[in-house]
Amino acid sequence: MIDLYTWSTPNGRKVSIMLEELGLEYEVHKIDITKGDQHKPEFLAISPNNKIPAIRDRDNGYAMMESAAIMLYLAEKCGKLMPAEPMARHDVMQWLMMQMGSVGPMLGQTHHFLRFNKGKAPYAEERYGKENARIYKVLDTRLSDHEWLAGDYSVADIATWPWISRFEWQDMDLGAYPDLRRWYLAIAERPATGRGYDVPSIGAAIPMP
């Protein structure tokens, strides 16, 4: 049993979708970041960086933060969604690191300026809008000759997909990126994605282009 401390954000959805794909039992603990739950001492004891998601593995009592680290831990625990062969593993790892270093941080800034503060910082809107489009193009090009980001369906796909699911927040048209759109829809149609998307349950539906 895994205790999952999360909220309905792309980073939170990475782990709930991962848990569903792995078929692990988990209990959801809502950390409402709109109300400051992430700053409460009991959550900081698990996630010192006061960010969701975090987990506690009841099998061994181990608690950890940071979404990609959690995903790698769960993949190794179950022996799934991360290849064992070294070069295949490195291939997945580079695309997972791209998500952590580019996709998440840059698209997150796009959300901040284009959705929540539109009109307040034209330079920032232009900067992050262009970077958002660049990232979409990188992913679209990669997926033009790969079914998934790296080899078989993996942690790299699960980590990246929730950020693309906010294409509307980013003022992006997935129709302009046909291979990224194909990949997006393939993941959206997976049963585990459907179950893991609305966690914690707030009635959220997967956006469809």
C-alpha atoms as a PDB file:
ATOM      1  CA  MET A   1       0.000   0.000   0.000  1.00  0.00           C
ATOM      2  CA  ILE A   2       1.241   3.449  -0.948  1.00  0.00           C
ATOM      3  CA  ASP A   3       0.104   6.639   0.762  1.00  0.00           C
ATOM      4  CA  LEU A   4      -0.118   9.318  -1.940  1.00  0.00           C
ATOM      5  CA  TYR A   5      -0.116  12.975  -0.916  1.00  0.00           C
ATOM      6  CA  THR A   6      -1.226  14.954  -3.939  1.00  0.00           C
ATOM      7  CA  TRP A   7      -3.351  17.565  -5.656  1.00  0.00           C
ATOM      8  CA  SER A   8      -4.759  17.921  -9.183  1.00  0.00           C
ATOM      9  CA  THR A   9      -1.675  19.284 -10.961  1.00  0.00           C
ATOM     10  CA  PRO A  10       0.483  17.812 -13.735  1.00  0.00           C
ATOM     11  CA  ASN A  11       3.118  16.709 -11.237  1.00  0.00           C
ATOM     12  CA  GLY A  12       0.511  15.104  -9.020  1.00  0.00           C
ATOM     13  CA  ARG A  13      -1.103  13.311 -11.939  1.00  0.00           C
ATOM     14  CA  LYS A  14       2.202  11.785 -13.002  1.00  0.00           C
ATOM     15  CA  VAL A  15       2.268   9.648  -9.881  1.00  0.00           C
ATOM     16  CA  SER A  16      -1.426   8.735  -9.678  1.00  0.00           C
ATOM     17  CA  ILE A  17      -1.370   7.599 -13.333  1.00  0.00           C
ATOM     18  CA  MET A  18       1.854   5.690 -12.628  1.00  0.00           C
ATOM     19  CA  LEU A  19       0.276   3.930  -9.651  1.00  0.00           C
ATOM     20  CA  GLU A  20      -2.706   2.957 -11.777  1.00  0.00           C
ATOM     21  CA  GLU A  21      -0.474   1.611 -14.547  1.00  0.00           C
ATOM     22  CA  LEU A  22       1.434  -0.479 -12.014  1.00  0.00           C
ATOM     23  CA  GLY A  23      -1.729  -1.750 -10.350  1.00  0.00           C
ATOM     24  CA  LEU A  24      -0.488  -0.771  -6.889  1.00  0.00           C
ATOM     25  CA  GLU A  25      -2.951  -0.140  -4.096  1.00  0.00           C
ATOM     26  CA  TYR A  26      -2.786   3.404  -2.800  1.00  0.00           C
ATOM     27  CA  GLU A  27      -4.610   5.719  -0.447  1.00  0.00           C
ATOM     28  CA  VAL A  28      -5.047   9.337  -1.476  1.00  0.00           C
ATOM     29  CA  HIS A  29      -4.375  12.153   0.983  1.00  0.00           C
ATOM     30  CA  LYS A  30      -5.542  15.498  -0.403  1.00  0.00           C
ATOM     31  CA  ILE A  31      -3.018  18.314  -0.106  1.00  0.00           C
ATOM     32  CA  ASP A  32      -5.025  21.336  -1.186  1.00  0.00           C
ATOM     33  CA  ILE A  33      -2.341  23.710  -2.392  1.00  0.00           C
ATOM     34  CA  THR A  34      -4.934  26.465  -2.877  1.00  0.00           C
ATOM     35  CA  LYS A  35      -5.433  26.452   0.909  1.00  0.00           C
ATOM     36  CA  GLY A  36      -1.775  26.120   1.884  1.00  0.00           C
ATOM     37  CA  ASP A  37      -1.880  22.476   2.997  1.00  0.00           C
ATOM     38  CA  GLN A  38       1.612  22.031   1.543  1.00  0.00           C
ATOM     39  CA  HIS A  39       3.029  24.214   4.321  1.00  0.00           C
ATOM     40  CA  LYS A  40       1.611  22.200   7.222  1.00  0.00           C
ATOM     41  CA  PRO A  41       4.228  20.566   9.468  1.00  0.00           C
ATOM     42  CA  GLU A  42       2.854  17.062   8.969  1.00  0.00           C
ATOM     43  CA  PHE A  43       3.295  17.371   5.184  1.00  0.00           C
ATOM     44  CA  LEU A  44       6.721  19.002   5.478  1.00  0.00           C
ATOM     45  CA  ALA A  45       7.854  15.969   7.440  1.00  0.00           C
ATOM     46  CA  ILE A  46       7.303  13.944   4.260  1.00  0.00           C
ATOM     47  CA  SER A  47       8.079  16.588   1.620  1.00  0.00           C
ATOM     48  CA  PRO A  48      10.614  19.127   2.989  1.00  0.00           C
ATOM     49  CA  ASN A  49      10.419  21.145  -0.245  1.00  0.00           C
ATOM     50  CA  ASN A  50       6.665  21.671   0.433  1.00  0.00           C
ATOM     51  CA  LYS A  51       5.716  20.442  -3.038  1.00  0.00           C
ATOM     52  CA  ILE A  52       3.285  17.744  -4.110  1.00  0.00           C
ATOM     53  CA  PRO A  53       3.320  14.869  -4.792  1.00  0.00           C
ATOM     54  CA  ALA A  54       4.885  12.817  -2.042  1.00  0.00           C
ATOM     55  CA  ILE A  55       4.474   9.204  -1.022  1.00  0.00           C
ATOM     56  CA  ARG A  56       4.988   6.865   1.901  1.00  0.00           C
ATOM     57  CA  ASP A  57       5.498   3.179   1.141  1.00  0.00           C
ATOM     58  CA  ARG A  58       3.817   1.194   3.915  1.00  0.00           C
ATOM     59  CA  ASP A  59       5.872  -1.869   2.996  1.00  0.00           C
ATOM     60  CA  ASN A  60       9.008  -0.289   4.431  1.00  0.00           C
ATOM     61  CA  GLY A  61       7.955   3.063   5.891  1.00  0.00           C
ATOM     62  CA  TYR A  62      10.012   4.986   3.340  1.00  0.00           C
ATOM     63  CA  ALA A  63       8.731   8.465   2.466  1.00  0.00           C
ATOM     64  CA  MET A  64       9.894  10.536  -0.475  1.00  0.00           C
ATOM     65  CA  MET A  65       9.206  13.685  -2.478  1.00  0.00           C
ATOM     66  CA  GLU A  66       9.835  14.835  -6.087  1.00  0.00           C
ATOM     67  CA  SER A  67       7.653  13.333  -8.790  1.00  0.00           C
ATOM     68  CA  ALA A  68      10.346  11.833 -11.054  1.00  0.00           C
ATOM     69  CA  ALA A  69      12.192  10.304  -8.112  1.00  0.00           C
ATOM     70  CA  ILE A  70       8.920   8.773  -6.937  1.00  0.00           C
ATOM     71  CA  MET A  71       8.224   7.390 -10.404  1.00  0.00           C
ATOM     72  CA  LEU A  72      11.655   5.777 -10.642  1.00  0.00           C
ATOM     73  CA  TYR A  73      11.231   4.287  -7.177  1.00  0.00           C
ATOM     74  CA  LEU A  74       7.864   2.789  -8.102  1.00  0.00           C
ATOM     75  CA  ALA A  75       9.178   1.512 -11.442  1.00  0.00           C
ATOM     76  CA  GLU A  76      12.045  -0.274  -9.697  1.00  0.00           C
ATOM     77  CA  LYS A  77       9.740  -1.585  -6.985  1.00  0.00           C
ATOM     78  CA  CYS A  78       7.533  -3.255  -9.597  1.00  0.00           C
ATOM     79  CA  GLY A  79      10.037  -3.898 -12.368  1.00  0.00           C
ATOM     80  CA  LYS A  80       7.841  -2.127 -14.910  1.00  0.00           C
ATOM     81  CA  LEU A  81       7.801   1.011 -17.102  1.00  0.00           C
ATOM     82  CA  MET A  82      11.595   1.402 -16.916  1.00  0.00           C
ATOM     83  CA  PRO A  83      13.807  -0.914 -18.983  1.00  0.00           C
ATOM     84  CA  ALA A  84      16.600  -2.881 -17.356  1.00  0.00           C
ATOM     85  CA  GLU A  85      18.891  -2.937 -20.406  1.00  0.00           C
ATOM     86  CA  PRO A  86      21.400  -0.093 -19.873  1.00  0.00           C
ATOM     87  CA  MET A  87      21.139   1.737 -23.197  1.00  0.00           C
ATOM     88  CA  ALA A  88      17.349   1.492 -23.300  1.00  0.00           C
ATOM     89  CA  ARG A  89      17.322   2.774 -19.728  1.00  0.00           C
ATOM     90  CA  HIS A  90      19.481   5.747 -20.657  1.00  0.00           C
ATOM     91  CA  ASP A  91      17.154   6.508 -23.575  1.00  0.00           C
ATOM     92  CA  VAL A  92      14.162   6.672 -21.237  1.00  0.00           C
ATOM     93  CA  MET A  93      16.140   8.625 -18.662  1.00  0.00           C
ATOM     94  CA  GLN A  94      17.096  11.419 -21.071  1.00  0.00           C
ATOM     95  CA  TRP A  95      13.440  12.038 -21.985  1.00  0.00           C
ATOM     96  CA  LEU A  96      12.409  11.898 -18.348  1.00  0.00           C
ATOM     97  CA  MET A  97      15.107  14.462 -17.566  1.00  0.00           C
ATOM     98  CA  MET A  98      13.853  16.641 -20.424  1.00  0.00           C
ATOM     99  CA  GLN A  99      10.450  16.629 -18.763  1.00  0.00           C
ATOM    100  CA  MET A 100      11.967  17.629 -15.446  1.00  0.00           C
ATOM    101  CA  GLY A 101      14.339  20.222 -16.884  1.00  0.00           C
ATOM    102  CA  SER A 102      12.330  21.726 -19.755  1.00  0.00           C
ATOM    103  CA  VAL A 103       8.737  20.562 -20.178  1.00  0.00           C
ATOM    104  CA  GLY A 104       7.570  21.041 -16.601  1.00  0.00           C
ATOM    105  CA  PRO A 105       9.424  24.235 -15.649  1.00  0.00           C
ATOM    106  CA  MET A 106       8.829  26.050 -18.937  1.00  0.00           C
ATOM    107  CA  LEU A 107       5.198  25.052 -19.438  1.00  0.00           C
ATOM    108  CA  GLY A 108       4.584  25.883 -15.786  1.00  0.00           C
ATOM    109  CA  GLN A 109       5.806  29.418 -16.453  1.00  0.00           C
ATOM    110  CA  THR A 110       3.520  29.574 -19.481  1.00  0.00           C
ATOM    111  CA  HIS A 111       0.588  28.750 -17.180  1.00  0.00           C
ATOM    112  CA  HIS A 112       1.651  31.472 -14.758  1.00  0.00           C
ATOM    113  CA  PHE A 113       1.895  34.249 -17.322  1.00  0.00           C
ATOM    114  CA  LEU A 114      -0.643  33.275 -19.983  1.00  0.00           C
ATOM    115  CA  ARG A 115      -3.431  31.854 -17.816  1.00  0.00           C
ATOM    116  CA  PHE A 116      -3.158  33.474 -14.403  1.00  0.00           C
ATOM    117  CA  ASN A 117      -1.514  36.824 -15.177  1.00  0.00           C
ATOM    118  CA  LYS A 118      -2.384  37.519 -18.792  1.00  0.00           C
ATOM    119  CA  GLY A 119      -1.574  41.065 -19.915  1.00  0.00           C
ATOM    120  CA  LYS A 120       0.691  41.838 -16.948  1.00  0.00           C
ATOM    121  CA  ALA A 121       4.035  40.923 -18.528  1.00  0.00           C
ATOM    122  CA  PRO A 122       4.061  40.969 -22.350  1.00  0.00           C
ATOM    123  CA  TYR A 123       7.777  40.103 -22.511  1.00  0.00           C
ATOM    124  CA  ALA A 124       7.290  37.028 -20.314  1.00  0.00           C
ATOM    125  CA  GLU A 125       4.213  35.964 -22.299  1.00  0.00           C
ATOM    126  CA  GLU A 126       6.204  36.132 -25.530  1.00  0.00           C
ATOM    127  CA  ARG A 127       9.247  34.406 -24.028  1.00  0.00           C
ATOM    128  CA  TYR A 128       7.406  31.461 -22.516  1.00  0.00           C
ATOM    129  CA  GLY A 129       4.921  31.207 -25.366  1.00  0.00           C
ATOM    130  CA  LYS A 130       7.812  30.758 -27.819  1.00  0.00           C
ATOM    131  CA  GLU A 131       9.544  28.277 -25.540  1.00  0.00           C
ATOM    132  CA  ASN A 132       6.289  26.342 -25.170  1.00  0.00           C
ATOM    133  CA  ALA A 133       6.024  26.089 -28.972  1.00  0.00           C
ATOM    134  CA  ARG A 134       9.670  25.031 -29.235  1.00  0.00           C
ATOM    135  CA  ILE A 135       9.140  22.207 -26.726  1.00  0.00           C
ATOM    136  CA  TYR A 136       6.017  21.028 -28.534  1.00  0.00           C
ATOM    137  CA  LYS A 137       8.028  20.925 -31.760  1.00  0.00           C
ATOM    138  CA  VAL A 138      10.814  18.883 -30.137  1.00  0.00           C
ATOM    139  CA  LEU A 139       8.283  16.347 -28.874  1.00  0.00           C
ATOM    140  CA  ASP A 140       6.392  16.273 -32.172  1.00  0.00           C
ATOM    141  CA  THR A 141       9.602  15.636 -34.105  1.00  0.00           C
ATOM    142  CA  ARG A 142      10.638  12.855 -31.754  1.00  0.00           C
ATOM    143  CA  LEU A 143       7.242  11.212 -32.031  1.00  0.00           C
ATOM    144  CA  SER A 144       7.210  11.445 -35.825  1.00  0.00           C
ATOM    145  CA  ASP A 145       9.300   8.259 -35.962  1.00  0.00           C
ATOM    146  CA  HIS A 146       8.755   6.802 -32.478  1.00  0.00           C
ATOM    147  CA  GLU A 147       5.501   5.433 -31.096  1.00  0.00           C
ATOM    148  CA  TRP A 148       6.525   6.485 -27.585  1.00  0.00           C
ATOM    149  CA  LEU A 149       9.196   8.888 -26.377  1.00  0.00           C
ATOM    150  CA  ALA A 150      11.720   6.118 -25.738  1.00  0.00           C
ATOM    151  CA  GLY A 151      11.227   2.478 -26.674  1.00  0.00           C
ATOM    152  CA  ASP A 152       8.119   0.999 -25.071  1.00  0.00           C
ATOM    153  CA  TYR A 153       5.603   3.020 -23.067  1.00  0.00           C
ATOM    154  CA  SER A 154       7.511   4.221 -20.008  1.00  0.00           C
ATOM    155  CA  VAL A 155       7.908   6.656 -17.157  1.00  0.00           C
ATOM    156  CA  ALA A 156       9.027   9.277 -19.713  1.00  0.00           C
ATOM    157  CA  ASP A 157       5.616   9.219 -21.414  1.00  0.00           C
ATOM    158  CA  ILE A 158       3.685   9.227 -18.137  1.00  0.00           C
ATOM    159  CA  ALA A 159       5.737  12.133 -16.775  1.00  0.00           C
ATOM    160  CA  THR A 160       5.346  14.269 -19.900  1.00  0.00           C
ATOM    161  CA  TRP A 161       1.697  13.648 -20.761  1.00  0.00           C
ATOM    162  CA  PRO A 162       0.036  15.572 -17.869  1.00  0.00           C
ATOM    163  CA  TRP A 163       1.865  18.739 -18.900  1.00  0.00           C
ATOM    164  CA  ILE A 164       0.627  18.427 -22.471  1.00  0.00           C
ATOM    165  CA  SER A 165      -2.881  17.816 -21.122  1.00  0.00           C
ATOM    166  CA  ARG A 166      -2.920  21.514 -20.248  1.00  0.00           C
ATOM    167  CA  PHE A 167      -2.544  22.576 -23.863  1.00  0.00           C
ATOM    168  CA  GLU A 168      -5.549  24.889 -23.442  1.00  0.00           C
ATOM    169  CA  TRP A 169      -3.837  26.695 -20.561  1.00  0.00           C
ATOM    170  CA  GLN A 170      -0.856  27.201 -22.861  1.00  0.00           C
ATOM    171  CA  ASP A 171      -2.906  28.566 -25.803  1.00  0.00           C
ATOM    172  CA  MET A 172      -1.618  25.675 -27.897  1.00  0.00           C
ATOM    173  CA  ASP A 173      -3.379  23.906 -30.766  1.00  0.00           C
ATOM    174  CA  LEU A 174      -2.461  20.216 -30.734  1.00  0.00           C
ATOM    175  CA  GLY A 175      -3.710  19.982 -34.309  1.00  0.00           C
ATOM    176  CA  ALA A 176      -0.564  21.833 -35.379  1.00  0.00           C
ATOM    177  CA  TYR A 177       1.542  18.988 -33.948  1.00  0.00           C
ATOM    178  CA  PRO A 178       0.020  15.826 -35.464  1.00  0.00           C
ATOM    179  CA  ASP A 179       2.423  13.287 -34.005  1.00  0.00           C
ATOM    180  CA  LEU A 180       2.265  14.816 -30.545  1.00  0.00           C
ATOM    181  CA  ARG A 181      -1.521  14.790 -30.853  1.00  0.00           C
ATOM    182  CA  ARG A 182      -1.500  11.112 -31.845  1.00  0.00           C
ATOM    183  CA  TRP A 183       0.649  10.276 -28.809  1.00  0.00           C
ATOM    184  CA  TYR A 184      -1.500  12.427 -26.531  1.00  0.00           C
ATOM    185  CA  LEU A 185      -4.717  10.683 -27.563  1.00  0.00           C
ATOM    186  CA  ALA A 186      -3.160   7.218 -27.270  1.00  0.00           C
ATOM    187  CA  ILE A 187      -2.252   7.911 -23.648  1.00  0.00           C
ATOM    188  CA  ALA A 188      -5.573   9.630 -22.907  1.00  0.00           C
ATOM    189  CA  GLU A 189      -7.353   6.459 -23.993  1.00  0.00           C
ATOM    190  CA  ARG A 190      -5.422   4.172 -21.645  1.00  0.00           C
ATOM    191  CA  PRO A 191      -7.650   2.959 -18.789  1.00  0.00           C
ATOM    192  CA  ALA A 192      -4.987   3.775 -16.191  1.00  0.00           C
ATOM    193  CA  THR A 193      -4.838   7.366 -17.429  1.00  0.00           C
ATOM    194  CA  GLY A 194      -8.593   7.694 -17.060  1.00  0.00           C
ATOM    195  CA  ARG A 195      -8.466   6.379 -13.496  1.00  0.00           C
ATOM    196  CA  GLY A 196      -5.397   8.328 -12.459  1.00  0.00           C
ATOM    197  CA  TYR A 197      -6.250  11.707 -13.979  1.00  0.00           C
ATOM    198  CA  ASP A 198      -8.912  12.844 -11.495  1.00  0.00           C
ATOM    199  CA  VAL A 199      -6.892  12.197  -8.330  1.00  0.00           C
ATOM    200  CA  PRO A 200      -7.809  13.495  -5.859  1.00  0.00           C
ATOM    201  CA  SER A 201     -11.361  13.387  -7.092  1.00  0.00           C
ATOM    202  CA  ILE A 202     -12.596  16.875  -7.983  1.00  0.00           C
ATOM    203  CA  GLY A 203     -14.556  16.011 -11.116  1.00  0.00           C
ATOM    204  CA  ALA A 204     -11.777  16.829 -13.592  1.00  0.00           C
ATOM    205  CA  ALA A 205     -12.135  15.411 -17.110  1.00  0.00           C
ATOM    206  CA  ILE A 206      -9.268  14.737 -19.511  1.00  0.00           C
ATOM    207  CA  PRO A 207      -9.093  17.602 -22.059  1.00  0.00           C
ATOM    208  CA  MET A 208      -9.556  16.353 -25.601  1.00  0.00           C
ATOM    209  CA  PRO A 209      -8.271  18.284 -28.625  1.00  0.00           C
END
